[in-house]
């Protein structure tokens, strides 16, 4: 019979127990729960948008870099094979 390893099961059980016990301590921030016209809510919204913009910019840069490398590899392989226009 299969028994899951205890080094995986025990931490998962502990996290589930803490989550069930500490539900009263968890509360939403002013963006999710509070006055939407409050200055704190506006600041949190701007912070979230800034973080999304930075993350999106970094991800777009990584995709552009990968695309550039893939195109250069394709051109180099075609040039080595002598096929088509290399420009």
PDB file of N, CA and C in Angstrom:
ATOM      1  N   UNK A   1       0.842  -1.178   0.000  1.00  0.00           N
ATOM      2  CA  UNK A   1       0.000   0.000   0.000  1.00  0.00           C
ATOM      3  C   UNK A   1       0.891   1.246   0.000  1.00  0.00           C
ATOM      4  N   UNK A   2       0.469   2.236  -0.748  1.00  0.00           N
ATOM      5  CA  UNK A   2       1.232   3.486  -0.853  1.00  0.00           C
ATOM      6  C   UNK A   2       1.028   4.351   0.381  1.00  0.00           C
ATOM      7  N   UNK A   3       2.139   4.814   0.961  1.00  0.00           N
ATOM      8  CA  UNK A   3       2.088   5.766   2.064  1.00  0.00           C
ATOM      9  C   UNK A   3       2.859   7.003   1.659  1.00  0.00           C
ATOM     10  N   UNK A   4       2.207   8.167   1.676  1.00  0.00           N
ATOM     11  CA  UNK A   4       2.934   9.381   1.292  1.00  0.00           C
ATOM     12  C   UNK A   4       4.039   9.684   2.295  1.00  0.00           C
ATOM     13  N   UNK A   5       5.131  10.259   1.831  1.00  0.00           N
ATOM     14  CA  UNK A   5       6.245  10.571   2.727  1.00  0.00           C
ATOM     15  C   UNK A   5       5.844  11.592   3.791  1.00  0.00           C
ATOM     16  N   UNK A   6       6.289  11.323   5.015  1.00  0.00           N
ATOM     17  CA  UNK A   6       5.896  12.191   6.133  1.00  0.00           C
ATOM     18  C   UNK A   6       6.519  13.570   6.045  1.00  0.00           C
ATOM     19  N   UNK A   7       7.661  13.696   5.383  1.00  0.00           N
ATOM     20  CA  UNK A   7       8.283  15.017   5.279  1.00  0.00           C
ATOM     21  C   UNK A   7       7.476  15.954   4.375  1.00  0.00           C
ATOM     22  N   UNK A   8       6.535  15.414   3.630  1.00  0.00           N
ATOM     23  CA  UNK A   8       5.639  16.239   2.816  1.00  0.00           C
ATOM     24  C   UNK A   8       4.289  16.413   3.502  1.00  0.00           C
ATOM     25  N   UNK A   9       3.789  15.357   4.107  1.00  0.00           N
ATOM     26  CA  UNK A   9       2.449  15.385   4.687  1.00  0.00           C
ATOM     27  C   UNK A   9       2.392  16.257   5.939  1.00  0.00           C
ATOM     28  N   UNK A  10       3.375  16.162   6.803  1.00  0.00           N
ATOM     29  CA  UNK A  10       3.343  16.927   8.057  1.00  0.00           C
ATOM     30  C   UNK A  10       3.306  18.435   7.843  1.00  0.00           C
ATOM     31  N   UNK A  11       4.158  19.013   6.993  1.00  0.00           N
ATOM     32  CA  UNK A  11       4.051  20.469   6.774  1.00  0.00           C
ATOM     33  C   UNK A  11       2.723  20.881   6.151  1.00  0.00           C
ATOM     34  N   UNK A  12       2.196  20.072   5.236  1.00  0.00           N
ATOM     35  CA  UNK A  12       0.902  20.398   4.639  1.00  0.00           C
ATOM     36  C   UNK A  12      -0.208  20.367   5.682  1.00  0.00           C
ATOM     37  N   UNK A  13      -0.168  19.379   6.562  1.00  0.00           N
ATOM     38  CA  UNK A  13      -1.158  19.294   7.637  1.00  0.00           C
ATOM     39  C   UNK A  13      -1.026  20.488   8.576  1.00  0.00           C
ATOM     40  N   UNK A  14       0.210  20.880   8.896  1.00  0.00           N
ATOM     41  CA  UNK A  14       0.428  22.029   9.777  1.00  0.00           C
ATOM     42  C   UNK A  14      -0.086  23.314   9.140  1.00  0.00           C
ATOM     43  N   UNK A  15       0.166  23.505   7.837  1.00  0.00           N
ATOM     44  CA  UNK A  15      -0.324  24.705   7.163  1.00  0.00           C
ATOM     45  C   UNK A  15      -1.848  24.740   7.126  1.00  0.00           C
ATOM     46  N   UNK A  16      -2.475  23.582   6.896  1.00  0.00           N
ATOM     47  CA  UNK A  16      -3.935  23.528   6.882  1.00  0.00           C
ATOM     48  C   UNK A  16      -4.502  23.843   8.254  1.00  0.00           C
ATOM     49  N   UNK A  17      -3.868  23.329   9.303  1.00  0.00           N
ATOM     50  CA  UNK A  17      -4.338  23.593  10.663  1.00  0.00           C
ATOM     51  C   UNK A  17      -4.191  25.070  11.011  1.00  0.00           C
ATOM     52  N   UNK A  18      -3.072  25.667  10.658  1.00  0.00           N
ATOM     53  CA  UNK A  18      -2.858  27.094  10.942  1.00  0.00           C
ATOM     54  C   UNK A  18      -3.868  27.938  10.175  1.00  0.00           C
ATOM     55  N   UNK A  19      -4.142  27.566   8.944  1.00  0.00           N
ATOM     56  CA  UNK A  19      -5.113  28.310   8.148  1.00  0.00           C
ATOM     57  C   UNK A  19      -6.501  28.258   8.768  1.00  0.00           C
ATOM     58  N   UNK A  20      -6.891  27.099   9.243  1.00  0.00           N
ATOM     59  CA  UNK A  20      -8.214  26.961   9.862  1.00  0.00           C
ATOM     60  C   UNK A  20      -8.298  27.712  11.187  1.00  0.00           C
ATOM     61  N   UNK A  21      -7.220  27.706  11.967  1.00  0.00           N
ATOM     62  CA  UNK A  21      -7.236  28.355  13.272  1.00  0.00           C
ATOM     63  C   UNK A  21      -7.136  29.872  13.142  1.00  0.00           C
ATOM     64  N   UNK A  22      -6.370  30.358  12.197  1.00  0.00           N
ATOM     65  CA  UNK A  22      -6.065  31.788  12.100  1.00  0.00           C
ATOM     66  C   UNK A  22      -6.961  32.540  11.127  1.00  0.00           C
ATOM     67  N   UNK A  23      -8.130  32.034  10.817  1.00  0.00           N
ATOM     68  CA  UNK A  23      -8.989  32.722   9.855  1.00  0.00           C
ATOM     69  C   UNK A  23      -9.469  34.066  10.383  1.00  0.00           C
ATOM     70  N   UNK A  24      -9.606  34.203  11.689  1.00  0.00           N
ATOM     71  CA  UNK A  24     -10.044  35.472  12.261  1.00  0.00           C
ATOM     72  C   UNK A  24      -8.987  36.555  12.143  1.00  0.00           C
ATOM     73  N   UNK A  25      -7.721  36.177  12.092  1.00  0.00           N
ATOM     74  CA  UNK A  25      -6.637  37.156  11.996  1.00  0.00           C
ATOM     75  C   UNK A  25      -6.491  37.704  10.585  1.00  0.00           C
ATOM     76  N   UNK A  26      -6.925  36.945   9.604  1.00  0.00           N
ATOM     77  CA  UNK A  26      -6.785  37.377   8.214  1.00  0.00           C
ATOM     78  C   UNK A  26      -7.895  38.376   7.881  1.00  0.00           C
ATOM     79  N   UNK A  27      -7.508  39.518   7.352  1.00  0.00           N
ATOM     80  CA  UNK A  27      -8.491  40.504   6.928  1.00  0.00           C
ATOM     81  C   UNK A  27      -8.016  41.145   5.632  1.00  0.00           C
ATOM     82  N   UNK A  28      -8.960  41.596   4.857  1.00  0.00           N
ATOM     83  CA  UNK A  28      -8.631  42.166   3.562  1.00  0.00           C
ATOM     84  C   UNK A  28      -8.082  43.580   3.720  1.00  0.00           C
ATOM     85  N   UNK A  29      -7.284  44.009   2.775  1.00  0.00           N
ATOM     86  CA  UNK A  29      -6.756  45.366   2.791  1.00  0.00           C
ATOM     87  C   UNK A  29      -7.845  46.338   2.314  1.00  0.00           C
ATOM     88  N   UNK A  30      -7.535  47.588   2.309  1.00  0.00           N
ATOM     89  CA  UNK A  30      -8.536  48.598   1.953  1.00  0.00           C
ATOM     90  C   UNK A  30      -8.924  48.548   0.477  1.00  0.00           C
ATOM     91  N   UNK A  31      -8.105  47.897  -0.350  1.00  0.00           N
ATOM     92  CA  UNK A  31      -8.462  47.784  -1.758  1.00  0.00           C
ATOM     93  C   UNK A  31      -9.644  46.835  -1.918  1.00  0.00           C
ATOM     94  N   UNK A  32      -9.632  45.739  -1.171  1.00  0.00           N
ATOM     95  CA  UNK A  32     -10.706  44.748  -1.291  1.00  0.00           C
ATOM     96  C   UNK A  32     -11.852  45.018  -0.323  1.00  0.00           C
ATOM     97  N   UNK A  33     -11.561  45.614   0.808  1.00  0.00           N
ATOM     98  CA  UNK A  33     -12.561  45.766   1.852  1.00  0.00           C
ATOM     99  C   UNK A  33     -12.397  47.144   2.464  1.00  0.00           C
ATOM    100  N   UNK A  34     -13.236  48.061   2.095  1.00  0.00           N
ATOM    101  CA  UNK A  34     -13.127  49.408   2.639  1.00  0.00           C
ATOM    102  C   UNK A  34     -13.724  50.430   1.695  1.00  0.00           C
ATOM    103  N   UNK A  35     -13.496  51.689   2.012  1.00  0.00           N
ATOM    104  CA  UNK A  35     -14.030  52.788   1.219  1.00  0.00           C
ATOM    105  C   UNK A  35     -13.235  52.920  -0.072  1.00  0.00           C
ATOM    106  N   UNK A  36     -13.868  52.739  -1.223  1.00  0.00           N
ATOM    107  CA  UNK A  36     -13.127  52.830  -2.481  1.00  0.00           C
ATOM    108  C   UNK A  36     -12.650  54.243  -2.796  1.00  0.00           C
ATOM    109  N   UNK A  37     -13.202  55.260  -2.137  1.00  0.00           N
ATOM    110  CA  UNK A  37     -12.793  56.636  -2.394  1.00  0.00           C
ATOM    111  C   UNK A  37     -11.747  57.127  -1.410  1.00  0.00           C
ATOM    112  N   UNK A  38     -11.302  56.260  -0.520  1.00  0.00           N
ATOM    113  CA  UNK A  38     -10.309  56.626   0.480  1.00  0.00           C
ATOM    114  C   UNK A  38      -8.945  56.817  -0.180  1.00  0.00           C
ATOM    115  N   UNK A  39      -8.124  57.690   0.405  1.00  0.00           N
ATOM    116  CA  UNK A  39      -6.785  57.942  -0.144  1.00  0.00           C
ATOM    117  C   UNK A  39      -5.917  56.688  -0.069  1.00  0.00           C
ATOM    118  N   UNK A  40      -6.085  55.894   0.986  1.00  0.00           N
ATOM    119  CA  UNK A  40      -5.305  54.665   1.121  1.00  0.00           C
ATOM    120  C   UNK A  40      -5.673  53.678   0.022  1.00  0.00           C
ATOM    121  N   UNK A  41      -6.946  53.572  -0.301  1.00  0.00           N
ATOM    122  CA  UNK A  41      -7.376  52.680  -1.387  1.00  0.00           C
ATOM    123  C   UNK A  41      -6.798  53.133  -2.722  1.00  0.00           C
ATOM    124  N   UNK A  42      -6.800  54.443  -2.956  1.00  0.00           N
ATOM    125  CA  UNK A  42      -6.236  54.970  -4.203  1.00  0.00           C
ATOM    126  C   UNK A  42      -4.739  54.677  -4.287  1.00  0.00           C
ATOM    127  N   UNK A  43      -4.042  54.863  -3.181  1.00  0.00           N
ATOM    128  CA  UNK A  43      -2.603  54.575  -3.160  1.00  0.00           C
ATOM    129  C   UNK A  43      -2.303  53.107  -3.394  1.00  0.00           C
ATOM    130  N   UNK A  44      -3.109  52.227  -2.781  1.00  0.00           N
ATOM    131  CA  UNK A  44      -2.909  50.792  -2.980  1.00  0.00           C
ATOM    132  C   UNK A  44      -3.196  50.400  -4.430  1.00  0.00           C
ATOM    133  N   UNK A  45      -4.225  50.988  -5.015  1.00  0.00           N
ATOM    134  CA  UNK A  45      -4.518  50.704  -6.424  1.00  0.00           C
ATOM    135  C   UNK A  45      -3.360  51.130  -7.322  1.00  0.00           C
ATOM    136  N   UNK A  46      -2.794  52.290  -7.060  1.00  0.00           N
ATOM    137  CA  UNK A  46      -1.662  52.758  -7.864  1.00  0.00           C
ATOM    138  C   UNK A  46      -0.435  51.860  -7.658  1.00  0.00           C
ATOM    139  N   UNK A  47      -0.239  51.396  -6.426  1.00  0.00           N
ATOM    140  CA  UNK A  47       0.884  50.496  -6.158  1.00  0.00           C
ATOM    141  C   UNK A  47       0.704  49.175  -6.898  1.00  0.00           C
ATOM    142  N   UNK A  48      -0.502  48.657  -6.903  1.00  0.00           N
ATOM    143  CA  UNK A  48      -0.775  47.409  -7.616  1.00  0.00           C
ATOM    144  C   UNK A  48      -0.549  47.590  -9.114  1.00  0.00           C
ATOM    145  N   UNK A  49      -1.031  48.691  -9.660  1.00  0.00           N
ATOM    146  CA  UNK A  49      -0.827  48.951 -11.089  1.00  0.00           C
ATOM    147  C   UNK A  49       0.652  49.118 -11.432  1.00  0.00           C
ATOM    148  N   UNK A  50       1.402  49.768 -10.547  1.00  0.00           N
ATOM    149  CA  UNK A  50       2.842  49.933 -10.766  1.00  0.00           C
ATOM    150  C   UNK A  50       3.546  48.585 -10.775  1.00  0.00           C
ATOM    151  N   UNK A  51       3.209  47.735  -9.810  1.00  0.00           N
ATOM    152  CA  UNK A  51       3.838  46.411  -9.761  1.00  0.00           C
ATOM    153  C   UNK A  51       3.467  45.579 -10.988  1.00  0.00           C
ATOM    154  N   UNK A  52       2.216  45.672 -11.414  1.00  0.00           N
ATOM    155  CA  UNK A  52       1.823  44.950 -12.630  1.00  0.00           C
ATOM    156  C   UNK A  52       2.568  45.479 -13.849  1.00  0.00           C
ATOM    157  N   UNK A  53       2.761  46.799 -13.920  1.00  0.00           N
ATOM    158  CA  UNK A  53       3.492  47.387 -15.038  1.00  0.00           C
ATOM    159  C   UNK A  53       4.948  46.952 -15.065  1.00  0.00           C
ATOM    160  N   UNK A  54       5.585  46.946 -13.908  1.00  0.00           N
ATOM    161  CA  UNK A  54       6.989  46.525 -13.839  1.00  0.00           C
ATOM    162  C   UNK A  54       7.113  45.045 -14.194  1.00  0.00           C
ATOM    163  N   UNK A  55       6.238  44.223 -13.632  1.00  0.00           N
ATOM    164  CA  UNK A  55       6.285  42.791 -13.915  1.00  0.00           C
ATOM    165  C   UNK A  55       6.025  42.523 -15.395  1.00  0.00           C
ATOM    166  N   UNK A  56       5.027  43.204 -15.958  1.00  0.00           N
ATOM    167  CA  UNK A  56       4.739  43.034 -17.380  1.00  0.00           C
ATOM    168  C   UNK A  56       5.887  43.488 -18.259  1.00  0.00           C
ATOM    169  N   UNK A  57       6.543  44.584 -17.879  1.00  0.00           N
ATOM    170  CA  UNK A  57       7.691  45.062 -18.646  1.00  0.00           C
ATOM    171  C   UNK A  57       8.847  44.084 -18.633  1.00  0.00           C
ATOM    172  N   UNK A  58       9.120  43.520 -17.476  1.00  0.00           N
ATOM    173  CA  UNK A  58      10.208  42.537 -17.374  1.00  0.00           C
ATOM    174  C   UNK A  58       9.870  41.286 -18.182  1.00  0.00           C
ATOM    175  N   UNK A  59       8.621  40.836 -18.078  1.00  0.00           N
ATOM    176  CA  UNK A  59       8.232  39.647 -18.841  1.00  0.00           C
ATOM    177  C   UNK A  59       8.287  39.902 -20.344  1.00  0.00           C
ATOM    178  N   UNK A  60       7.877  41.089 -20.775  1.00  0.00           N
ATOM    179  CA  UNK A  60       7.944  41.428 -22.196  1.00  0.00           C
ATOM    180  C   UNK A  60       9.385  41.473 -22.675  1.00  0.00           C
ATOM    181  N   UNK A  61      10.284  41.970 -21.840  1.00  0.00           N
ATOM    182  CA  UNK A  61      11.701  42.009 -22.195  1.00  0.00           C
ATOM    183  C   UNK A  61      12.265  40.608 -22.343  1.00  0.00           C
ATOM    184  N   UNK A  62      11.893  39.708 -21.444  1.00  0.00           N
ATOM    185  CA  UNK A  62      12.370  38.329 -21.534  1.00  0.00           C
ATOM    186  C   UNK A  62      11.851  37.661 -22.804  1.00  0.00           C
ATOM    187  N   UNK A  63      10.586  37.883 -23.142  1.00  0.00           N
ATOM    188  CA  UNK A  63      10.018  37.309 -24.368  1.00  0.00           C
ATOM    189  C   UNK A  63      10.703  37.885 -25.598  1.00  0.00           C
ATOM    190  N   UNK A  64      10.944  39.185 -25.604  1.00  0.00           N
ATOM    191  CA  UNK A  64      11.620  39.812 -26.748  1.00  0.00           C
ATOM    192  C   UNK A  64      13.041  39.281 -26.900  1.00  0.00           C
ATOM    193  N   UNK A  65      13.731  39.084 -25.785  1.00  0.00           N
ATOM    194  CA  UNK A  65      15.088  38.546 -25.836  1.00  0.00           C
ATOM    195  C   UNK A  65      15.071  37.124 -26.393  1.00  0.00           C
ATOM    196  N   UNK A  66      14.150  36.298 -25.915  1.00  0.00           N
ATOM    197  CA  UNK A  66      14.060  34.926 -26.404  1.00  0.00           C
ATOM    198  C   UNK A  66      13.722  34.867 -27.874  1.00  0.00           C
ATOM    199  N   UNK A  67      12.820  35.743 -28.317  1.00  0.00           N
ATOM    200  CA  UNK A  67      12.459  35.791 -29.731  1.00  0.00           C
ATOM    201  C   UNK A  67      13.645  36.219 -30.584  1.00  0.00           C
ATOM    202  N   UNK A  68      14.384  37.207 -30.121  1.00  0.00           N
ATOM    203  CA  UNK A  68      15.559  37.671 -30.850  1.00  0.00           C
ATOM    204  C   UNK A  68      16.600  36.575 -30.980  1.00  0.00           C
ATOM    205  N   UNK A  69      16.851  35.860 -29.881  1.00  0.00           N
ATOM    206  CA  UNK A  69      17.827  34.766 -29.926  1.00  0.00           C
ATOM    207  C   UNK A  69      17.351  33.668 -30.878  1.00  0.00           C
ATOM    208  N   UNK A  70      16.062  33.329 -30.845  1.00  0.00           N
ATOM    209  CA  UNK A  70      15.535  32.283 -31.731  1.00  0.00           C
ATOM    210  C   UNK A  70      15.679  32.690 -33.193  1.00  0.00           C
ATOM    211  N   UNK A  71      15.400  33.949 -33.507  1.00  0.00           N
ATOM    212  CA  UNK A  71      15.540  34.417 -34.891  1.00  0.00           C
ATOM    213  C   UNK A  71      17.000  34.402 -35.334  1.00  0.00           C
ATOM    214  N   UNK A  72      17.901  34.808 -34.457  1.00  0.00           N
ATOM    215  CA  UNK A  72      19.325  34.786 -34.815  1.00  0.00           C
ATOM    216  C   UNK A  72      19.827  33.363 -35.033  1.00  0.00           C
ATOM    217  N   UNK A  73      19.360  32.426 -34.211  1.00  0.00           N
ATOM    218  CA  UNK A  73      19.753  31.025 -34.389  1.00  0.00           C
ATOM    219  C   UNK A  73      19.235  30.507 -35.725  1.00  0.00           C
ATOM    220  N   UNK A  74      17.981  30.828 -36.042  1.00  0.00           N
ATOM    221  CA  UNK A  74      17.398  30.381 -37.312  1.00  0.00           C
ATOM    222  C   UNK A  74      18.181  30.947 -38.486  1.00  0.00           C
ATOM    223  N   UNK A  75      18.537  32.236 -38.419  1.00  0.00           N
ATOM    224  CA  UNK A  75      19.327  32.845 -39.510  1.00  0.00           C
ATOM    225  C   UNK A  75      20.697  32.195 -39.631  1.00  0.00           C
ATOM    226  N   UNK A  76      21.330  31.915 -38.500  1.00  0.00           N
ATOM    227  CA  UNK A  76      22.658  31.300 -38.542  1.00  0.00           C
ATOM    228  C   UNK A  76      22.592  29.893 -39.126  1.00  0.00           C
ATOM    229  N   UNK A  77      21.538  29.148 -38.770  1.00  0.00           N
ATOM    230  CA  UNK A  77      21.393  27.792 -39.331  1.00  0.00           C
ATOM    231  C   UNK A  77      21.145  27.847 -40.837  1.00  0.00           C
ATOM    232  N   UNK A  78      20.338  28.794 -41.279  1.00  0.00           N
ATOM    233  CA  UNK A  78      20.087  28.929 -42.723  1.00  0.00           C
ATOM    234  C   UNK A  78      21.344  29.363 -43.460  1.00  0.00           C
ATOM    235  N   UNK A  79      22.109  30.256 -42.848  1.00  0.00           N
ATOM    236  CA  UNK A  79      23.357  30.706 -43.482  1.00  0.00           C
ATOM    237  C   UNK A  79      24.361  29.562 -43.564  1.00  0.00           C
ATOM    238  N   UNK A  80      24.406  28.735 -42.524  1.00  0.00           N
ATOM    239  CA  UNK A  80      25.329  27.605 -42.536  1.00  0.00           C
ATOM    240  C   UNK A  80      24.929  26.577 -43.568  1.00  0.00           C
ATOM    241  N   UNK A  81      23.601  26.439 -43.783  1.00  0.00           N
ATOM    242  CA  UNK A  81      23.119  25.458 -44.766  1.00  0.00           C
ATOM    243  C   UNK A  81      23.132  26.049 -46.177  1.00  0.00           C
ATOM    244  N   UNK A  82      23.286  27.376 -46.272  1.00  0.00           N
ATOM    245  CA  UNK A  82      23.290  28.012 -47.584  1.00  0.00           C
ATOM    246  C   UNK A  82      21.914  28.106 -48.204  1.00  0.00           C
ATOM    247  N   UNK A  83      20.875  28.185 -47.373  1.00  0.00           N
ATOM    248  CA  UNK A  83      19.515  28.203 -47.874  1.00  0.00           C
ATOM    249  C   UNK A  83      18.931  29.598 -47.707  1.00  0.00           C
ATOM    250  N   UNK A  84      18.339  30.145 -48.760  1.00  0.00           N
ATOM    251  CA  UNK A  84      17.568  31.376 -48.669  1.00  0.00           C
ATOM    252  C   UNK A  84      18.407  32.614 -48.397  1.00  0.00           C
ATOM    253  N   UNK A  85      17.676  33.684 -48.159  1.00  0.00           N
ATOM    254  CA  UNK A  85      18.274  34.993 -47.893  1.00  0.00           C
ATOM    255  C   UNK A  85      18.634  35.081 -46.414  1.00  0.00           C
ATOM    256  N   UNK A  86      19.850  35.479 -46.111  1.00  0.00           N
ATOM    257  CA  UNK A  86      20.309  35.547 -44.718  1.00  0.00           C
ATOM    258  C   UNK A  86      20.086  36.893 -44.084  1.00  0.00           C
ATOM    259  N   UNK A  87      19.563  37.839 -44.782  1.00  0.00           N
ATOM    260  CA  UNK A  87      19.363  39.164 -44.179  1.00  0.00           C
ATOM    261  C   UNK A  87      18.096  39.250 -43.391  1.00  0.00           C
TER     262      UNK A  87
END
